[in-house]
Protein backbone atom coordinates (compact mmCIF):
# COMPACT_ATOMS: atom_id res chain seq x y z
CA UNK A 1 -0.06 0.03 -0.02
CA UNK A 2 1.31 3.44 -0.97
CA UNK A 3 1.72 5.71 1.97
CA UNK A 4 0.50 9.28 1.71
CA UNK A 5 2.96 12.12 1.01
CA UNK A 6 3.14 15.39 2.80
CA UNK A 7 4.94 18.62 1.76
CA UNK A 8 5.89 21.60 3.83
CA UNK A 9 6.51 24.86 2.05
CA UNK A 10 6.82 28.64 3.12
CA UNK A 11 5.63 31.63 1.17
CA UNK A 12 8.26 33.96 -0.08
CA UNK A 13 8.46 37.21 1.83
CA UNK A 14 8.63 40.82 0.66
CA UNK A 15 12.43 40.78 1.11
CA UNK A 16 13.19 37.82 -1.05
CA UNK A 17 15.25 40.09 -3.35
CA UNK A 18 17.77 40.51 -0.42
CA UNK A 19 18.42 36.74 -0.20
CA UNK A 20 21.87 35.34 0.26
CA UNK A 21 24.02 34.81 -2.87
CA UNK A 22 27.33 33.11 -3.12
CA UNK A 23 28.12 32.25 -6.79
CA UNK A 24 25.54 34.26 -8.73
CA UNK A 25 25.40 37.92 -9.37
CA UNK A 26 22.34 39.65 -7.96
CA UNK A 27 19.53 40.63 -10.42
CA UNK A 28 16.14 41.82 -9.84
CA UNK A 29 13.70 39.29 -8.64
CA UNK A 30 10.04 39.76 -9.51
CA UNK A 31 8.27 39.05 -6.26
CA UNK A 32 4.87 38.72 -7.72
CA UNK A 33 6.15 36.23 -10.26
CA UNK A 34 8.06 34.40 -7.48
CA UNK A 35 4.80 34.08 -5.54
CA UNK A 36 2.93 32.79 -8.58
CA UNK A 37 5.67 30.28 -9.30
CA UNK A 38 5.63 29.16 -5.65
CA UNK A 39 1.96 28.69 -5.74
CA UNK A 40 2.34 26.82 -9.11
CA UNK A 41 4.74 24.38 -7.38
CA UNK A 42 2.35 23.84 -4.55
CA UNK A 43 -0.58 23.07 -7.00
CA UNK A 44 1.64 20.68 -8.97
CA UNK A 45 2.42 18.77 -5.84
CA UNK A 46 -1.30 18.72 -4.84
CA UNK A 47 -2.01 17.37 -8.31
CA UNK A 48 0.36 14.47 -7.59
CA UNK A 49 -1.61 13.64 -4.56
CA UNK A 50 0.65 15.38 -1.98
CA UNK A 51 -0.96 17.08 1.08
CA UNK A 52 0.76 20.45 1.00
CA UNK A 53 1.01 22.81 4.00
CA UNK A 54 2.23 26.34 3.05
CA UNK A 55 3.37 28.39 5.98
CA UNK A 56 3.14 32.12 5.94
CA UNK A 57 6.21 34.26 5.02
CA UNK A 58 8.75 34.73 7.89
CA UNK A 59 9.44 38.31 8.71
CA UNK A 60 13.14 39.57 8.35
CA UNK A 61 14.15 36.24 6.81
CA UNK A 62 14.72 36.63 2.91
CA UNK A 63 15.78 32.90 2.54
CA UNK A 64 13.12 31.40 4.76
CA UNK A 65 11.12 30.07 1.86
CA UNK A 66 13.99 27.63 1.16
CA UNK A 67 12.77 25.29 3.82
CA UNK A 68 15.31 22.48 2.92
CA UNK A 69 18.29 24.31 4.58
CA UNK A 70 17.08 24.36 8.23
CA UNK A 71 15.64 20.80 8.25
CA UNK A 72 15.57 17.58 6.27
CA UNK A 73 13.06 14.75 6.66
CA UNK A 74 14.11 11.21 5.87
CA UNK A 75 12.48 7.85 6.18
CA UNK A 76 13.70 7.06 9.53
CA UNK A 77 15.04 10.36 10.98
CA UNK A 78 14.56 14.16 10.92
CA UNK A 79 17.69 16.14 10.75
CA UNK A 80 17.58 19.60 12.23
CA UNK A 81 20.43 21.53 10.70
CA UNK A 82 22.57 24.49 11.73
CA UNK A 83 22.74 26.63 8.58
CA UNK A 84 26.11 28.12 7.49
CA UNK A 85 24.55 31.58 7.45
CA UNK A 86 24.12 32.54 10.98
CA UNK A 87 21.19 34.85 10.33
CA UNK A 88 19.16 31.87 9.17
CA UNK A 89 19.50 29.64 12.23
CA UNK A 90 16.22 31.04 13.88
CA UNK A 91 14.19 29.75 10.95
CA UNK A 92 14.39 26.09 12.35
CA UNK A 93 12.21 26.91 15.43
CA UNK A 94 9.23 28.02 13.31
CA UNK A 95 9.40 24.76 11.23
CA UNK A 96 9.69 22.36 14.22
CA UNK A 97 5.86 22.12 14.96
CA UNK A 98 5.14 21.05 11.38
CA UNK A 99 7.74 18.45 10.99
CA UNK A 100 6.73 14.79 11.40
CA UNK A 101 6.47 13.61 15.04
CA UNK A 102 6.72 9.99 14.36
CA UNK A 103 10.49 9.62 13.83
CA UNK A 104 13.49 10.67 15.87
CA UNK A 105 15.27 13.93 15.50
CA UNK A 106 18.93 14.62 15.21
CA UNK A 107 19.95 18.19 15.69
CA UNK A 108 23.31 19.75 15.08
CA UNK A 109 24.06 22.17 17.82
CA UNK A 110 27.85 22.54 18.14
CA UNK A 111 29.01 26.15 18.16
CA UNK A 112 31.73 25.36 15.58
CA UNK A 113 29.38 23.27 13.40
CA UNK A 114 27.59 24.27 10.34
CA UNK A 115 25.28 22.11 8.26
CA UNK A 116 22.73 23.14 5.51
CA UNK A 117 20.12 20.60 4.72
CA UNK A 118 20.62 21.27 0.97
CA UNK A 119 24.06 19.55 1.50
CA UNK A 120 22.60 16.16 2.40
CA UNK A 121 21.89 13.47 -0.33
CA UNK A 122 20.65 10.06 0.87
CA UNK A 123 21.57 7.03 -1.27
CA UNK A 124 20.54 3.93 0.40
CA UNK A 125 21.88 3.84 4.02
CA UNK A 126 24.41 6.53 3.30
CA UNK A 127 24.01 10.24 3.77
CA UNK A 128 26.43 12.01 1.43
CA UNK A 129 27.31 15.38 3.07
CA UNK A 130 28.43 18.18 0.78
CA UNK A 131 31.57 19.90 1.91
CA UNK A 132 31.57 23.38 0.45
CA UNK A 133 30.75 26.88 1.56
CA UNK A 134 27.83 26.19 3.86
CA UNK A 135 28.66 22.91 5.74
CA UNK A 136 31.91 22.27 7.42
CA UNK A 137 33.67 19.18 8.86
CA UNK A 138 32.45 19.80 12.38
CA UNK A 139 28.87 19.69 11.12
CA UNK A 140 29.47 16.52 9.22
CA UNK A 141 31.11 14.82 12.16
CA UNK A 142 28.29 15.72 14.54
CA UNK A 143 25.72 14.54 12.00
CA UNK A 144 27.58 11.24 11.56
CA UNK A 145 27.49 10.52 15.30
CA UNK A 146 23.80 11.56 15.44
CA UNK A 147 22.50 9.26 12.68
CA UNK A 148 24.59 6.33 13.30
CA UNK A 149 22.24 4.86 15.86
CA UNK A 150 19.51 5.10 13.27
CA UNK A 151 21.28 2.94 10.72
CA UNK A 152 22.75 5.68 8.63
CA UNK A 153 26.33 6.30 7.69
CA UNK A 154 27.76 9.65 6.56
CA UNK A 155 30.25 10.20 3.78
CA UNK A 156 31.79 13.46 2.62
CA UNK A 157 31.15 14.72 -0.91
CA UNK A 158 33.30 17.68 -2.10
CA UNK A 159 31.41 20.55 -3.62
CA UNK A 160 33.12 23.25 -5.66
CA UNK A 161 31.62 26.21 -7.50
CA UNK A 162 28.12 25.51 -6.22
CA UNK A 163 26.13 26.47 -3.16
CA UNK A 164 25.07 23.02 -2.00
CA UNK A 165 25.57 19.35 -2.75
CA UNK A 166 22.02 19.22 -4.14
CA UNK A 167 22.69 22.10 -6.47
CA UNK A 168 24.78 19.53 -8.42
CA UNK A 169 23.45 16.09 -7.48
CA UNK A 170 19.96 14.71 -6.78
CA UNK A 171 18.43 11.26 -6.55
CA UNK A 172 16.02 10.70 -9.40
CA UNK A 173 15.41 7.06 -8.81
CA UNK A 174 16.52 4.57 -6.11
CA UNK A 175 19.64 3.70 -8.04
CA UNK A 176 20.05 6.81 -10.10
CA UNK A 177 21.52 10.32 -9.60
CA UNK A 178 21.22 13.42 -11.74
CA UNK A 179 24.63 14.93 -11.65
CA UNK A 180 26.62 18.08 -12.57
CA UNK A 181 30.07 16.54 -12.38
CA UNK A 182 31.93 19.84 -12.58
CA UNK A 183 30.55 20.82 -9.14
CA UNK A 184 30.13 17.61 -7.27
CA UNK A 185 32.33 14.70 -6.51
CA UNK A 186 30.28 11.44 -5.93
CA UNK A 187 33.26 9.08 -6.51
CA UNK A 188 32.33 7.30 -3.20
CA UNK A 189 28.85 6.39 -4.27
CA UNK A 190 29.03 2.89 -5.48
CA UNK A 191 26.68 1.11 -7.78
CA UNK A 192 24.74 4.22 -8.75
CA UNK A 193 23.75 5.06 -12.20
CA UNK A 194 24.54 8.73 -13.24
CA UNK A 195 22.74 10.97 -15.58
CA UNK A 196 24.75 13.92 -16.54
CA UNK A 197 23.14 17.29 -17.15
CA UNK A 198 23.39 19.10 -20.33
CA UNK A 199 26.53 21.36 -20.23
CA UNK A 200 24.41 24.33 -21.35
CA UNK A 201 22.28 23.95 -18.27
CA UNK A 202 24.69 23.81 -15.36
CA UNK A 203 21.98 24.21 -12.84
CA UNK A 204 19.89 21.43 -14.29
CA UNK A 205 20.76 18.70 -11.65
CA UNK A 206 18.25 19.84 -9.05
CA UNK A 207 15.16 17.62 -9.13
CA UNK A 208 12.49 16.84 -6.51
CA UNK A 209 11.31 13.24 -6.17
CA UNK A 210 7.61 12.90 -5.52
CA UNK A 211 6.83 9.21 -5.38
CA UNK A 212 7.79 7.99 -8.86
CA UNK A 213 7.57 11.35 -10.39
CA UNK A 214 10.32 13.89 -10.68
CA UNK A 215 9.59 17.70 -10.52
CA UNK A 216 12.16 19.69 -12.48
CA UNK A 217 12.39 23.33 -13.55
CA UNK A 218 10.97 24.06 -17.06
CA UNK A 219 13.97 26.34 -17.55
CA UNK A 220 16.18 23.32 -18.06
CA UNK A 221 14.48 21.54 -20.97
CA UNK A 222 17.66 19.73 -22.28
CA UNK A 223 18.34 18.15 -18.88
CA UNK A 224 14.69 17.25 -18.56
CA UNK A 225 14.84 15.38 -21.93
CA UNK A 226 17.90 13.49 -20.65
CA UNK A 227 15.99 12.31 -17.64
CA UNK A 228 12.95 11.32 -19.68
CA UNK A 229 15.20 9.54 -22.14
CA UNK A 230 16.39 7.48 -19.22
CA UNK A 231 12.90 6.26 -18.67
CA UNK A 232 11.86 8.43 -15.85
CA UNK A 233 8.56 10.41 -15.47
CA UNK A 234 9.09 14.20 -15.17
CA UNK A 235 6.66 16.96 -14.54
CA UNK A 236 8.07 20.59 -14.98
CA UNK A 237 7.35 23.91 -13.25
CA UNK A 238 8.56 27.46 -13.65
CA UNK A 239 11.03 28.68 -10.97
CA UNK A 240 12.97 31.34 -12.84
CA UNK A 241 12.85 33.75 -9.85
CA UNK A 242 14.10 31.25 -7.48
CA UNK A 243 16.82 30.26 -9.81
CA UNK A 244 17.93 33.86 -9.58
CA UNK A 245 18.10 33.47 -5.83
CA UNK A 246 20.59 30.43 -6.23
CA UNK A 247 17.83 27.94 -5.36
CA UNK A 248 16.09 24.99 -6.95
CA UNK A 249 12.83 22.95 -6.65
CA UNK A 250 14.11 20.87 -3.76
CA UNK A 251 14.89 24.06 -1.72
CA UNK A 252 11.13 25.04 -1.74
CA UNK A 253 9.50 21.93 -0.40
CA UNK A 254 10.11 19.22 2.26
CA UNK A 255 8.36 16.13 1.06
CA UNK A 256 8.00 12.99 3.16
CA UNK A 257 6.02 9.79 3.47
CA UNK A 258 3.53 9.65 6.38
CA UNK A 259 4.29 6.84 8.86
CA UNK A 260 7.54 4.90 9.32
């Protein structure tokens, strides 16, 4: 029996245009269009049978709509992160009441530790942890100790030239990863098929798994076709304004199966 899916999202706030940027040059973000695109993603998820909860915008938190960074929900554990941008750490508290209550929580709390949820990629019983600008070794080490009792191992995955591990690598099937190899090193991932993004779409590797369907940005049509050619089902949605904020579809929604 297929278990129901839930998604948690947060509306973009008035100050979205002041979001953090690391590798992209800032350009104007059309807030009205961003809100329409955000609503469009929510409707797409609902059309796929997902129960979607959209939280109101969080004041004085330009990046708060990127709910994947403060927390991640996995099959057997919830990871409460400690974002690399100190000004974002208060976002977690407002998410906690809406995260699933039926699985243990692992929280990264060390003063020297940083961990962004967007740097976590689960493949089987391994959590690959991106080592780049937002997540450090102290965060990885604390995470590894926290999830080990729950049957998960942690491996480092170097990230270069991209904000997060999932900017350049996302699972698109149980044994398959969509990959931007110029940004992400997944050499330690064994037995995994790789679909490489089209070189003209360097940000094309971010895809959100919703059951057996992948949600991908319509702005990356060549990469979408590569995924479809591999026999996978894809639905597309417009997220141009969030791409300008150095984000992707996975940043905007935490999706999980109800029940363990």
